[in-house]
Amino acid sequence: MSGESDCTRTSPSAGSPSDSELLPDRPKYVCTLSPDLVTKAREELQEKPEWRLRDVQALRDMVCKDYPSLGTCLDDAFLLRFLRARKFDYDRALQLLVNYHTCRRTWPEVFSNLRPSAIKPVLESGFVTVLPHRDPQGRHVVCIRPDRWTPSNYPITENIRAIYLTLEKLIQSEETQVNGIVILADYKGVSLSKASHFGPFVAKKVIGILQDGFPIRIKAVNIINEPRIFKGIFAIIKPFLKEKIANRFFLHGCDLNSLHQNIPPVILPEEYGGTAGKLDISAWNELLLASEEDFLHDFSELVLPCDSSPHDLLVSGDADEKQCDDSLRGMKPQLYYCY
């Protein structure tokens, strides 16, 4: 489905009785939020159920007017992700949508052939998984364990691909769109040689996606078992972080009691002092791998039209790459000092 054909079939108003006739092949949106989450979305995200479809249509009209060749899916449910992530600010939601596509088109090492079966070795390593239980605020906990990665087996971009697909799967849930997610990163055993793979260029790309290029609300990042070298890693990351996100980082060291103040033991595995049994990665892996066809369908709609290029959307990243290269020159001495 191309962006042009979607735009030519856009209806004039969201509440029109003839919508279903004008857009017979666009899925009709059905809200799956509980009454409590509807209230939460209204209070925290400025989402008003009575205006929801009007807001979606407004964003759709903006896409068709300002970015007719974006090549995006324009379904109600898809566009709602971006409105919720930007608290129904039309302009910010549109920019997020454009950034989402631009990120995908300007980093082919990550986004080419992006499907669960392609990152199966990463999933089997346990580098990234999702805990089976949500926290008391209804948020999924994404668990990342860099020590499970062996750099000689595959490049760091494979890990990024696995994280991205995990987030894509999670954001399909309206509950997650409203509640957001929590990240638990275990840096036990991270060495200097492994940390050196995460240079400023990669850091800037990843943080750019998470902050400005993906429709998800990251509510907290809990770091556990971080070695002294993490000071150097965080020094690389922090300049790229917005203040709001930087304030959501919590460094616990080896103090499990500190971790438990943010994530209750009842949902944590035994490895982190919890009571939810051993950490089991199989359930999430099976769920993600079973979604192969869904991803193939969803991503097939996110195409780059033949008459446009990434540079039509955003300016070239050459200057950013040069800036990151300059930062890279000073990275290893800093890491050695922290180590």
C-alpha atoms as a PDB file:
ATOM      1  CA  MET A   1       0.000   0.000   0.000  1.00  0.00           C
ATOM      2  CA  SER A   2       1.721   3.198  -1.080  1.00  0.00           C
ATOM      3  CA  GLY A   3       1.444   6.559   0.632  1.00  0.00           C
ATOM      4  CA  GLU A   4       0.083   8.121  -2.566  1.00  0.00           C
ATOM      5  CA  SER A   5      -2.803   5.699  -2.902  1.00  0.00           C
ATOM      6  CA  ASP A   6      -3.649   6.072   0.779  1.00  0.00           C
ATOM      7  CA  CYS A   7      -3.720   9.846   0.481  1.00  0.00           C
ATOM      8  CA  THR A   8      -5.895   9.810  -2.611  1.00  0.00           C
ATOM      9  CA  ARG A   9      -8.401   7.711  -0.710  1.00  0.00           C
ATOM     10  CA  THR A  10      -8.434   9.839   2.427  1.00  0.00           C
ATOM     11  CA  SER A  11     -11.906  10.843   3.501  1.00  0.00           C
ATOM     12  CA  PRO A  12     -12.820  14.468   4.193  1.00  0.00           C
ATOM     13  CA  SER A  13     -13.854  13.950   7.799  1.00  0.00           C
ATOM     14  CA  ALA A  14     -13.418  11.267  10.418  1.00  0.00           C
ATOM     15  CA  GLY A  15     -17.016  11.116  11.552  1.00  0.00           C
ATOM     16  CA  SER A  16     -18.618  11.003   8.116  1.00  0.00           C
ATOM     17  CA  PRO A  17     -21.222   8.224   7.623  1.00  0.00           C
ATOM     18  CA  SER A  18     -19.675   7.482   4.242  1.00  0.00           C
ATOM     19  CA  ASP A  19     -16.198   6.704   5.618  1.00  0.00           C
ATOM     20  CA  SER A  20     -16.656   2.973   5.387  1.00  0.00           C
ATOM     21  CA  GLU A  21     -17.763   3.321   1.781  1.00  0.00           C
ATOM     22  CA  LEU A  22     -14.850   5.585   0.824  1.00  0.00           C
ATOM     23  CA  LEU A  23     -12.257   3.442   2.616  1.00  0.00           C
ATOM     24  CA  PRO A  24     -13.493  -0.146   2.301  1.00  0.00           C
ATOM     25  CA  ASP A  25     -10.038  -1.694   2.726  1.00  0.00           C
ATOM     26  CA  ARG A  26      -8.932   0.317   5.780  1.00  0.00           C
ATOM     27  CA  PRO A  27      -9.550  -1.541   9.056  1.00  0.00           C
ATOM     28  CA  LYS A  28     -12.120   0.100  11.282  1.00  0.00           C
ATOM     29  CA  TYR A  29     -10.643   1.124  14.630  1.00  0.00           C
ATOM     30  CA  VAL A  30     -12.059  -0.582  17.720  1.00  0.00           C
ATOM     31  CA  CYS A  31     -10.775   0.678  21.069  1.00  0.00           C
ATOM     32  CA  THR A  32      -9.430  -2.086  23.332  1.00  0.00           C
ATOM     33  CA  LEU A  33      -8.635   0.128  26.328  1.00  0.00           C
ATOM     34  CA  SER A  34     -10.284  -0.615  29.653  1.00  0.00           C
ATOM     35  CA  PRO A  35     -12.359   2.172  31.265  1.00  0.00           C
ATOM     36  CA  ASP A  36      -9.455   2.893  33.643  1.00  0.00           C
ATOM     37  CA  LEU A  37      -7.011   3.224  30.755  1.00  0.00           C
ATOM     38  CA  VAL A  38      -9.425   5.440  28.837  1.00  0.00           C
ATOM     39  CA  THR A  39      -9.417   7.728  31.876  1.00  0.00           C
ATOM     40  CA  LYS A  40      -5.621   7.546  32.149  1.00  0.00           C
ATOM     41  CA  ALA A  41      -5.219   8.369  28.457  1.00  0.00           C
ATOM     42  CA  ARG A  42      -7.523  11.350  28.868  1.00  0.00           C
ATOM     43  CA  GLU A  43      -5.625  12.685  31.896  1.00  0.00           C
ATOM     44  CA  GLU A  44      -2.034  11.956  30.793  1.00  0.00           C
ATOM     45  CA  LEU A  45      -2.183  12.002  26.988  1.00  0.00           C
ATOM     46  CA  GLN A  46      -4.988  14.480  26.326  1.00  0.00           C
ATOM     47  CA  GLU A  47      -6.872  11.731  24.476  1.00  0.00           C
ATOM     48  CA  LYS A  48     -10.604  12.345  24.275  1.00  0.00           C
ATOM     49  CA  PRO A  49     -12.564   9.318  23.015  1.00  0.00           C
ATOM     50  CA  GLU A  50     -15.206  11.543  21.451  1.00  0.00           C
ATOM     51  CA  TRP A  51     -12.503  13.329  19.387  1.00  0.00           C
ATOM     52  CA  ARG A  52     -10.216  10.384  18.757  1.00  0.00           C
ATOM     53  CA  LEU A  53     -11.145   9.681  15.131  1.00  0.00           C
ATOM     54  CA  ARG A  54     -11.237  13.386  14.355  1.00  0.00           C
ATOM     55  CA  ASP A  55      -7.667  13.678  15.644  1.00  0.00           C
ATOM     56  CA  VAL A  56      -6.538  10.682  13.610  1.00  0.00           C
ATOM     57  CA  GLN A  57      -8.078  12.174  10.500  1.00  0.00           C
ATOM     58  CA  ALA A  58      -6.362  15.488  11.154  1.00  0.00           C
ATOM     59  CA  LEU A  59      -2.978  13.735  11.299  1.00  0.00           C
ATOM     60  CA  ARG A  60      -3.811  11.739   8.178  1.00  0.00           C
ATOM     61  CA  ASP A  61      -4.683  14.944   6.311  1.00  0.00           C
ATOM     62  CA  MET A  62      -1.392  16.529   7.409  1.00  0.00           C
ATOM     63  CA  VAL A  63       0.580  13.547   6.114  1.00  0.00           C
ATOM     64  CA  CYS A  64      -1.170  13.658   2.754  1.00  0.00           C
ATOM     65  CA  LYS A  65      -0.717  17.415   2.441  1.00  0.00           C
ATOM     66  CA  ASP A  66       2.872  17.792   3.668  1.00  0.00           C
ATOM     67  CA  TYR A  67       4.394  14.355   2.911  1.00  0.00           C
ATOM     68  CA  PRO A  68       2.372  12.774   0.084  1.00  0.00           C
ATOM     69  CA  SER A  69       5.277  10.452  -0.821  1.00  0.00           C
ATOM     70  CA  LEU A  70       6.028   9.264   2.712  1.00  0.00           C
ATOM     71  CA  GLY A  71       4.802   5.764   1.901  1.00  0.00           C
ATOM     72  CA  THR A  72       3.298   5.206   5.346  1.00  0.00           C
ATOM     73  CA  CYS A  73       0.415   3.167   6.640  1.00  0.00           C
ATOM     74  CA  LEU A  74      -2.505   5.494   7.372  1.00  0.00           C
ATOM     75  CA  ASP A  75      -4.753   3.145   9.340  1.00  0.00           C
ATOM     76  CA  ASP A  76      -6.411   4.624  12.419  1.00  0.00           C
ATOM     77  CA  ALA A  77      -4.676   2.243  14.846  1.00  0.00           C
ATOM     78  CA  PHE A  78      -1.247   2.932  13.359  1.00  0.00           C
ATOM     79  CA  LEU A  79      -1.557   6.718  13.453  1.00  0.00           C
ATOM     80  CA  LEU A  80      -2.925   6.589  17.011  1.00  0.00           C
ATOM     81  CA  ARG A  81       0.450   5.278  18.209  1.00  0.00           C
ATOM     82  CA  PHE A  82       2.091   8.524  17.157  1.00  0.00           C
ATOM     83  CA  LEU A  83      -0.639  10.763  18.543  1.00  0.00           C
ATOM     84  CA  ARG A  84      -0.472   9.043  21.918  1.00  0.00           C
ATOM     85  CA  ALA A  85       3.311   9.199  22.019  1.00  0.00           C
ATOM     86  CA  ARG A  86       3.118  12.993  21.557  1.00  0.00           C
ATOM     87  CA  LYS A  87       0.043  13.647  23.685  1.00  0.00           C
ATOM     88  CA  PHE A  88      -2.149  14.407  20.674  1.00  0.00           C
ATOM     89  CA  ASP A  89      -0.059  17.339  19.534  1.00  0.00           C
ATOM     90  CA  TYR A  90      -0.593  17.114  15.761  1.00  0.00           C
ATOM     91  CA  ASP A  91       2.662  18.784  14.725  1.00  0.00           C
ATOM     92  CA  ARG A  92       4.827  16.725  17.081  1.00  0.00           C
ATOM     93  CA  ALA A  93       3.039  13.515  16.103  1.00  0.00           C
ATOM     94  CA  LEU A  94       3.647  14.270  12.423  1.00  0.00           C
ATOM     95  CA  GLN A  95       7.348  14.924  13.054  1.00  0.00           C
ATOM     96  CA  LEU A  96       7.609  11.656  14.986  1.00  0.00           C
ATOM     97  CA  LEU A  97       6.012   9.774  12.084  1.00  0.00           C
ATOM     98  CA  VAL A  98       8.413  11.345   9.588  1.00  0.00           C
ATOM     99  CA  ASN A  99      11.375  10.572  11.859  1.00  0.00           C
ATOM    100  CA  TYR A 100      10.160   6.976  12.220  1.00  0.00           C
ATOM    101  CA  HIS A 101      10.384   6.484   8.471  1.00  0.00           C
ATOM    102  CA  THR A 102      13.586   8.447   8.065  1.00  0.00           C
ATOM    103  CA  CYS A 103      15.358   6.306  10.674  1.00  0.00           C
ATOM    104  CA  ARG A 104      14.306   3.177   8.838  1.00  0.00           C
ATOM    105  CA  ARG A 105      15.556   4.465   5.489  1.00  0.00           C
ATOM    106  CA  THR A 106      18.907   5.833   6.598  1.00  0.00           C
ATOM    107  CA  TRP A 107      20.280   2.865   8.548  1.00  0.00           C
ATOM    108  CA  PRO A 108      20.041  -0.141   6.197  1.00  0.00           C
ATOM    109  CA  GLU A 109      22.325  -2.287   8.382  1.00  0.00           C
ATOM    110  CA  VAL A 110      19.544  -2.327  10.960  1.00  0.00           C
ATOM    111  CA  PHE A 111      16.357  -2.083   8.920  1.00  0.00           C
ATOM    112  CA  SER A 112      17.001  -4.232   5.854  1.00  0.00           C
ATOM    113  CA  ASN A 113      15.328  -7.649   6.045  1.00  0.00           C
ATOM    114  CA  LEU A 114      13.966  -6.763   9.476  1.00  0.00           C
ATOM    115  CA  ARG A 115      11.964  -9.754  10.700  1.00  0.00           C
ATOM    116  CA  PRO A 116      12.057 -12.017  13.764  1.00  0.00           C
ATOM    117  CA  SER A 117      13.558 -15.061  12.034  1.00  0.00           C
ATOM    118  CA  ALA A 118      16.501 -12.923  10.889  1.00  0.00           C
ATOM    119  CA  ILE A 119      17.502 -12.138  14.486  1.00  0.00           C
ATOM    120  CA  LYS A 120      16.850 -15.599  15.943  1.00  0.00           C
ATOM    121  CA  PRO A 121      20.469 -16.022  17.176  1.00  0.00           C
ATOM    122  CA  VAL A 122      20.127 -12.829  19.224  1.00  0.00           C
ATOM    123  CA  LEU A 123      16.856 -13.997  20.737  1.00  0.00           C
ATOM    124  CA  GLU A 124      18.318 -17.398  21.580  1.00  0.00           C
ATOM    125  CA  SER A 125      21.283 -15.749  23.300  1.00  0.00           C
ATOM    126  CA  GLY A 126      18.952 -14.009  25.751  1.00  0.00           C
ATOM    127  CA  PHE A 127      20.359 -10.572  24.945  1.00  0.00           C
ATOM    128  CA  VAL A 128      16.856  -9.070  25.037  1.00  0.00           C
ATOM    129  CA  THR A 129      13.593 -10.403  26.407  1.00  0.00           C
ATOM    130  CA  VAL A 130      10.404  -9.177  28.052  1.00  0.00           C
ATOM    131  CA  LEU A 131       9.465 -10.247  31.560  1.00  0.00           C
ATOM    132  CA  PRO A 132       6.164 -12.155  31.650  1.00  0.00           C
ATOM    133  CA  HIS A 133       4.458  -9.861  34.167  1.00  0.00           C
ATOM    134  CA  ARG A 134       3.762  -6.130  33.977  1.00  0.00           C
ATOM    135  CA  ASP A 135       4.664  -3.800  36.831  1.00  0.00           C
ATOM    136  CA  PRO A 136       2.006  -2.201  39.098  1.00  0.00           C
ATOM    137  CA  GLN A 137       1.646   0.674  36.608  1.00  0.00           C
ATOM    138  CA  GLY A 138       0.780  -1.783  33.838  1.00  0.00           C
ATOM    139  CA  ARG A 139       4.141  -1.407  32.079  1.00  0.00           C
ATOM    140  CA  HIS A 140       6.074  -4.211  30.393  1.00  0.00           C
ATOM    141  CA  VAL A 141       9.679  -4.632  31.527  1.00  0.00           C
ATOM    142  CA  VAL A 142      12.205  -5.077  28.715  1.00  0.00           C
ATOM    143  CA  CYS A 143      15.285  -6.891  30.008  1.00  0.00           C
ATOM    144  CA  ILE A 144      18.586  -6.306  28.173  1.00  0.00           C
ATOM    145  CA  ARG A 145      21.734  -8.293  29.050  1.00  0.00           C
ATOM    146  CA  PRO A 146      24.791  -7.185  27.044  1.00  0.00           C
ATOM    147  CA  ASP A 147      26.932  -9.934  28.591  1.00  0.00           C
ATOM    148  CA  ARG A 148      24.976 -12.461  26.524  1.00  0.00           C
ATOM    149  CA  TRP A 149      26.427 -11.016  23.325  1.00  0.00           C
ATOM    150  CA  THR A 150      29.614 -12.414  21.786  1.00  0.00           C
ATOM    151  CA  PRO A 151      30.925  -9.795  19.317  1.00  0.00           C
ATOM    152  CA  SER A 152      32.693 -12.400  17.185  1.00  0.00           C
ATOM    153  CA  ASN A 153      29.328 -14.062  16.434  1.00  0.00           C
ATOM    154  CA  TYR A 154      27.551 -11.053  14.888  1.00  0.00           C
ATOM    155  CA  PRO A 155      27.816  -7.233  14.871  1.00  0.00           C
ATOM    156  CA  ILE A 156      26.190  -4.944  17.410  1.00  0.00           C
ATOM    157  CA  THR A 157      23.585  -3.911  14.827  1.00  0.00           C
ATOM    158  CA  GLU A 158      21.963  -7.352  15.223  1.00  0.00           C
ATOM    159  CA  ASN A 159      21.301  -6.547  18.884  1.00  0.00           C
ATOM    160  CA  ILE A 160      19.742  -3.238  17.869  1.00  0.00           C
ATOM    161  CA  ARG A 161      17.522  -5.040  15.371  1.00  0.00           C
ATOM    162  CA  ALA A 162      16.319  -7.402  18.101  1.00  0.00           C
ATOM    163  CA  ILE A 163      15.514  -4.523  20.451  1.00  0.00           C
ATOM    164  CA  TYR A 164      13.664  -2.675  17.687  1.00  0.00           C
ATOM    165  CA  LEU A 165      11.501  -5.671  16.802  1.00  0.00           C
ATOM    166  CA  THR A 166      10.762  -6.196  20.491  1.00  0.00           C
ATOM    167  CA  LEU A 167       9.511  -2.628  20.750  1.00  0.00           C
ATOM    168  CA  GLU A 168       7.498  -2.979  17.545  1.00  0.00           C
ATOM    169  CA  LYS A 169       5.751  -6.008  18.996  1.00  0.00           C
ATOM    170  CA  LEU A 170       5.067  -4.320  22.336  1.00  0.00           C
ATOM    171  CA  ILE A 171       3.670  -1.132  20.801  1.00  0.00           C
ATOM    172  CA  GLN A 172       0.981  -3.101  18.994  1.00  0.00           C
ATOM    173  CA  SER A 173      -0.802  -3.168  22.356  1.00  0.00           C
ATOM    174  CA  GLU A 174      -2.918  -0.116  23.137  1.00  0.00           C
ATOM    175  CA  GLU A 175      -2.262  -0.756  26.816  1.00  0.00           C
ATOM    176  CA  THR A 176       1.467  -0.298  26.201  1.00  0.00           C
ATOM    177  CA  GLN A 177       0.837   2.811  24.098  1.00  0.00           C
ATOM    178  CA  VAL A 178      -0.799   4.401  27.128  1.00  0.00           C
ATOM    179  CA  ASN A 179       1.281   2.953  29.983  1.00  0.00           C
ATOM    180  CA  GLY A 180       4.701   2.924  28.330  1.00  0.00           C
ATOM    181  CA  ILE A 181       7.527   0.522  29.153  1.00  0.00           C
ATOM    182  CA  VAL A 182      10.362   0.110  31.643  1.00  0.00           C
ATOM    183  CA  ILE A 183      13.868  -1.033  30.699  1.00  0.00           C
ATOM    184  CA  LEU A 184      16.049  -3.208  32.925  1.00  0.00           C
ATOM    185  CA  ALA A 185      19.644  -3.367  31.676  1.00  0.00           C
ATOM    186  CA  ASP A 186      22.070  -5.758  33.365  1.00  0.00           C
ATOM    187  CA  TYR A 187      25.666  -4.727  32.631  1.00  0.00           C
ATOM    188  CA  LYS A 188      27.290  -7.570  34.550  1.00  0.00           C
ATOM    189  CA  GLY A 189      30.463  -8.719  32.819  1.00  0.00           C
ATOM    190  CA  VAL A 190      30.619  -5.921  30.237  1.00  0.00           C
ATOM    191  CA  SER A 191      34.278  -5.512  29.299  1.00  0.00           C
ATOM    192  CA  LEU A 192      36.167  -2.630  27.744  1.00  0.00           C
ATOM    193  CA  SER A 193      36.459  -4.442  24.414  1.00  0.00           C
ATOM    194  CA  LYS A 194      32.707  -5.031  24.303  1.00  0.00           C
ATOM    195  CA  ALA A 195      31.890  -1.471  25.333  1.00  0.00           C
ATOM    196  CA  SER A 196      34.073  -0.084  22.548  1.00  0.00           C
ATOM    197  CA  HIS A 197      31.571  -1.416  19.982  1.00  0.00           C
ATOM    198  CA  PHE A 198      29.021   1.096  21.301  1.00  0.00           C
ATOM    199  CA  GLY A 199      30.704   4.251  20.028  1.00  0.00           C
ATOM    200  CA  PRO A 200      29.230   7.745  19.695  1.00  0.00           C
ATOM    201  CA  PHE A 201      27.869   7.144  16.177  1.00  0.00           C
ATOM    202  CA  VAL A 202      25.899   4.040  17.225  1.00  0.00           C
ATOM    203  CA  ALA A 203      24.848   5.717  20.482  1.00  0.00           C
ATOM    204  CA  LYS A 204      23.499   8.758  18.667  1.00  0.00           C
ATOM    205  CA  LYS A 205      21.594   6.600  16.172  1.00  0.00           C
ATOM    206  CA  VAL A 206      19.994   4.401  18.848  1.00  0.00           C
ATOM    207  CA  ILE A 207      19.072   7.273  21.140  1.00  0.00           C
ATOM    208  CA  GLY A 208      17.719   9.235  18.190  1.00  0.00           C
ATOM    209  CA  ILE A 209      15.372   6.358  17.392  1.00  0.00           C
ATOM    210  CA  LEU A 210      14.221   5.841  20.977  1.00  0.00           C
ATOM    211  CA  GLN A 211      13.715   9.545  21.719  1.00  0.00           C
ATOM    212  CA  ASP A 212      12.500  10.977  18.442  1.00  0.00           C
ATOM    213  CA  GLY A 213      11.896   8.141  15.993  1.00  0.00           C
ATOM    214  CA  PHE A 214       9.684   5.561  17.664  1.00  0.00           C
ATOM    215  CA  PRO A 215       6.173   5.924  19.178  1.00  0.00           C
ATOM    216  CA  ILE A 216       6.804   4.482  22.619  1.00  0.00           C
ATOM    217  CA  ARG A 217       6.936   6.009  26.087  1.00  0.00           C
ATOM    218  CA  ILE A 218      10.042   4.937  28.012  1.00  0.00           C
ATOM    219  CA  LYS A 219       9.142   5.629  31.636  1.00  0.00           C
ATOM    220  CA  ALA A 220      12.302   4.353  33.358  1.00  0.00           C
ATOM    221  CA  VAL A 221      15.701   2.828  32.574  1.00  0.00           C
ATOM    222  CA  ASN A 222      17.075   0.761  35.428  1.00  0.00           C
ATOM    223  CA  ILE A 223      20.774  -0.124  35.217  1.00  0.00           C
ATOM    224  CA  ILE A 224      21.990  -3.018  37.383  1.00  0.00           C
ATOM    225  CA  ASN A 225      25.455  -4.469  37.988  1.00  0.00           C
ATOM    226  CA  GLU A 226      27.127  -1.692  36.044  1.00  0.00           C
ATOM    227  CA  PRO A 227      30.952  -1.818  36.225  1.00  0.00           C
ATOM    228  CA  ARG A 228      33.129   1.267  36.594  1.00  0.00           C
ATOM    229  CA  ILE A 229      33.403   1.375  32.812  1.00  0.00           C
ATOM    230  CA  PHE A 230      29.730   2.327  32.621  1.00  0.00           C
ATOM    231  CA  LYS A 231      30.698   5.836  33.687  1.00  0.00           C
ATOM    232  CA  GLY A 232      32.494   6.107  30.357  1.00  0.00           C
ATOM    233  CA  ILE A 233      29.574   4.576  28.454  1.00  0.00           C
ATOM    234  CA  PHE A 234      27.083   6.930  30.086  1.00  0.00           C
ATOM    235  CA  ALA A 235      29.364   9.884  29.366  1.00  0.00           C
ATOM    236  CA  ILE A 236      29.071   8.977  25.681  1.00  0.00           C
ATOM    237  CA  ILE A 237      25.300   8.616  25.853  1.00  0.00           C
ATOM    238  CA  LYS A 238      24.320  11.561  28.039  1.00  0.00           C
ATOM    239  CA  PRO A 239      24.999  14.415  25.561  1.00  0.00           C
ATOM    240  CA  PHE A 240      22.409  12.874  23.246  1.00  0.00           C
ATOM    241  CA  LEU A 241      19.748  12.473  25.945  1.00  0.00           C
ATOM    242  CA  LYS A 242      16.974  14.929  26.573  1.00  0.00           C
ATOM    243  CA  GLU A 243      16.812  16.069  30.185  1.00  0.00           C
ATOM    244  CA  LYS A 244      13.491  14.311  30.767  1.00  0.00           C
ATOM    245  CA  ILE A 245      14.919  10.980  29.604  1.00  0.00           C
ATOM    246  CA  ALA A 246      18.231  11.461  31.428  1.00  0.00           C
ATOM    247  CA  ASN A 247      16.292  11.926  34.673  1.00  0.00           C
ATOM    248  CA  ARG A 248      14.647   8.541  34.149  1.00  0.00           C
ATOM    249  CA  PHE A 249      17.948   6.663  34.364  1.00  0.00           C
ATOM    250  CA  PHE A 250      18.501   4.871  37.663  1.00  0.00           C
ATOM    251  CA  LEU A 251      21.895   3.325  38.413  1.00  0.00           C
ATOM    252  CA  HIS A 252      21.594   0.659  41.107  1.00  0.00           C
ATOM    253  CA  GLY A 253      25.016  -0.990  41.022  1.00  0.00           C
ATOM    254  CA  CYS A 254      24.773  -4.330  42.822  1.00  0.00           C
ATOM    255  CA  ASP A 255      22.114  -3.053  45.230  1.00  0.00           C
ATOM    256  CA  LEU A 256      19.045  -5.201  44.603  1.00  0.00           C
ATOM    257  CA  ASN A 257      17.111  -3.378  47.308  1.00  0.00           C
ATOM    258  CA  SER A 258      17.543  -0.200  45.289  1.00  0.00           C
ATOM    259  CA  LEU A 259      16.277  -1.990  42.178  1.00  0.00           C
ATOM    260  CA  HIS A 260      13.265  -3.297  44.090  1.00  0.00           C
ATOM    261  CA  GLN A 261      12.199   0.247  44.923  1.00  0.00           C
ATOM    262  CA  ASN A 262      11.602   0.745  41.192  1.00  0.00           C
ATOM    263  CA  ILE A 263      10.593  -2.746  40.098  1.00  0.00           C
ATOM    264  CA  PRO A 264       8.817  -4.931  42.697  1.00  0.00           C
ATOM    265  CA  PRO A 265      10.360  -8.367  43.443  1.00  0.00           C
ATOM    266  CA  VAL A 266       7.046 -10.089  42.675  1.00  0.00           C
ATOM    267  CA  ILE A 267       7.552  -9.565  38.925  1.00  0.00           C
ATOM    268  CA  LEU A 268      11.326 -10.014  38.879  1.00  0.00           C
ATOM    269  CA  PRO A 269      13.104 -13.328  38.237  1.00  0.00           C
ATOM    270  CA  GLU A 270      15.316 -14.949  40.874  1.00  0.00           C
ATOM    271  CA  GLU A 271      18.435 -13.594  39.154  1.00  0.00           C
ATOM    272  CA  TYR A 272      17.438 -10.111  40.338  1.00  0.00           C
ATOM    273  CA  GLY A 273      16.218 -11.043  43.798  1.00  0.00           C
ATOM    274  CA  GLY A 274      12.654 -11.585  42.650  1.00  0.00           C
ATOM    275  CA  THR A 275      10.045 -14.231  43.365  1.00  0.00           C
ATOM    276  CA  ALA A 276       8.833 -14.874  39.782  1.00  0.00           C
ATOM    277  CA  GLY A 277      11.039 -17.936  39.208  1.00  0.00           C
ATOM    278  CA  LYS A 278      14.016 -18.314  36.911  1.00  0.00           C
ATOM    279  CA  LEU A 279      14.344 -15.926  33.995  1.00  0.00           C
ATOM    280  CA  ASP A 280      12.666 -17.649  31.056  1.00  0.00           C
ATOM    281  CA  ILE A 281      13.327 -16.255  27.586  1.00  0.00           C
ATOM    282  CA  SER A 282      11.474 -18.949  25.664  1.00  0.00           C
ATOM    283  CA  ALA A 283       7.948 -17.528  25.984  1.00  0.00           C
ATOM    284  CA  TRP A 284       8.871 -14.134  24.553  1.00  0.00           C
ATOM    285  CA  ASN A 285      11.009 -15.677  21.813  1.00  0.00           C
ATOM    286  CA  GLU A 286       8.144 -17.906  20.732  1.00  0.00           C
ATOM    287  CA  LEU A 287       5.702 -14.980  20.723  1.00  0.00           C
ATOM    288  CA  LEU A 288       8.006 -12.798  18.628  1.00  0.00           C
ATOM    289  CA  LEU A 289       8.940 -15.546  16.166  1.00  0.00           C
ATOM    290  CA  ALA A 290       5.255 -16.427  15.749  1.00  0.00           C
ATOM    291  CA  SER A 291       4.659 -12.839  14.593  1.00  0.00           C
ATOM    292  CA  GLU A 292       6.765 -13.240  11.448  1.00  0.00           C
ATOM    293  CA  GLU A 293       3.836 -12.897   9.039  1.00  0.00           C
ATOM    294  CA  ASP A 294       2.466  -9.886  10.897  1.00  0.00           C
ATOM    295  CA  PHE A 295       5.788  -8.073  10.558  1.00  0.00           C
ATOM    296  CA  LEU A 296       6.104  -8.971   6.884  1.00  0.00           C
ATOM    297  CA  HIS A 297       2.655  -7.468   6.274  1.00  0.00           C
ATOM    298  CA  ASP A 298       3.128  -4.387   8.437  1.00  0.00           C
ATOM    299  CA  PHE A 299       6.578  -3.533   7.117  1.00  0.00           C
ATOM    300  CA  SER A 300       5.529  -4.121   3.512  1.00  0.00           C
ATOM    301  CA  GLU A 301       3.376  -0.991   3.840  1.00  0.00           C
ATOM    302  CA  LEU A 302       6.338   1.107   4.936  1.00  0.00           C
ATOM    303  CA  VAL A 303       7.901   1.478   1.512  1.00  0.00           C
ATOM    304  CA  LEU A 304      10.079   4.176  -0.005  1.00  0.00           C
ATOM    305  CA  PRO A 305       8.357   5.434  -3.161  1.00  0.00           C
ATOM    306  CA  CYS A 306      10.503   5.370  -6.287  1.00  0.00           C
ATOM    307  CA  ASP A 307      10.263   9.151  -6.707  1.00  0.00           C
ATOM    308  CA  SER A 308      11.648  10.046  -3.277  1.00  0.00           C
ATOM    309  CA  SER A 309      14.706   9.488  -1.156  1.00  0.00           C
ATOM    310  CA  PRO A 310      15.547   9.809   2.540  1.00  0.00           C
ATOM    311  CA  HIS A 311      17.060  13.205   1.791  1.00  0.00           C
ATOM    312  CA  ASP A 312      13.601  14.455   0.804  1.00  0.00           C
ATOM    313  CA  LEU A 313      12.570  13.989   4.444  1.00  0.00           C
ATOM    314  CA  LEU A 314      15.594  15.048   6.460  1.00  0.00           C
ATOM    315  CA  VAL A 315      18.965  16.526   5.640  1.00  0.00           C
ATOM    316  CA  SER A 316      22.026  14.347   5.262  1.00  0.00           C
ATOM    317  CA  GLY A 317      23.606  12.959   8.416  1.00  0.00           C
ATOM    318  CA  ASP A 318      27.178  13.575   7.203  1.00  0.00           C
ATOM    319  CA  ALA A 319      27.718  16.357   9.712  1.00  0.00           C
ATOM    320  CA  ASP A 320      26.483  14.151  12.539  1.00  0.00           C
ATOM    321  CA  GLU A 321      28.797  11.362  11.469  1.00  0.00           C
ATOM    322  CA  LYS A 322      31.756  13.746  11.476  1.00  0.00           C
ATOM    323  CA  GLN A 323      30.831  14.980  14.929  1.00  0.00           C
ATOM    324  CA  CYS A 324      30.605  11.394  16.163  1.00  0.00           C
ATOM    325  CA  ASP A 325      33.945  10.530  14.572  1.00  0.00           C
ATOM    326  CA  ASP A 326      35.506  13.450  16.429  1.00  0.00           C
ATOM    327  CA  SER A 327      33.986  12.205  19.680  1.00  0.00           C
ATOM    328  CA  LEU A 328      35.210   8.697  18.959  1.00  0.00           C
ATOM    329  CA  ARG A 329      38.829   9.836  19.030  1.00  0.00           C
ATOM    330  CA  GLY A 330      38.502  10.672  22.701  1.00  0.00           C
ATOM    331  CA  MET A 331      36.329   7.743  23.674  1.00  0.00           C
ATOM    332  CA  LYS A 332      38.882   4.993  24.347  1.00  0.00           C
ATOM    333  CA  PRO A 333      41.112   7.062  26.649  1.00  0.00           C
ATOM    334  CA  GLN A 334      37.987   7.937  28.634  1.00  0.00           C
ATOM    335  CA  LEU A 335      36.917   4.308  28.827  1.00  0.00           C
ATOM    336  CA  TYR A 336      40.378   3.179  29.878  1.00  0.00           C
ATOM    337  CA  TYR A 337      40.352   5.787  32.627  1.00  0.00           C
ATOM    338  CA  CYS A 338      36.981   4.554  33.930  1.00  0.00           C
ATOM    339  CA  TYR A 339      38.046   0.952  33.595  1.00  0.00           C
END
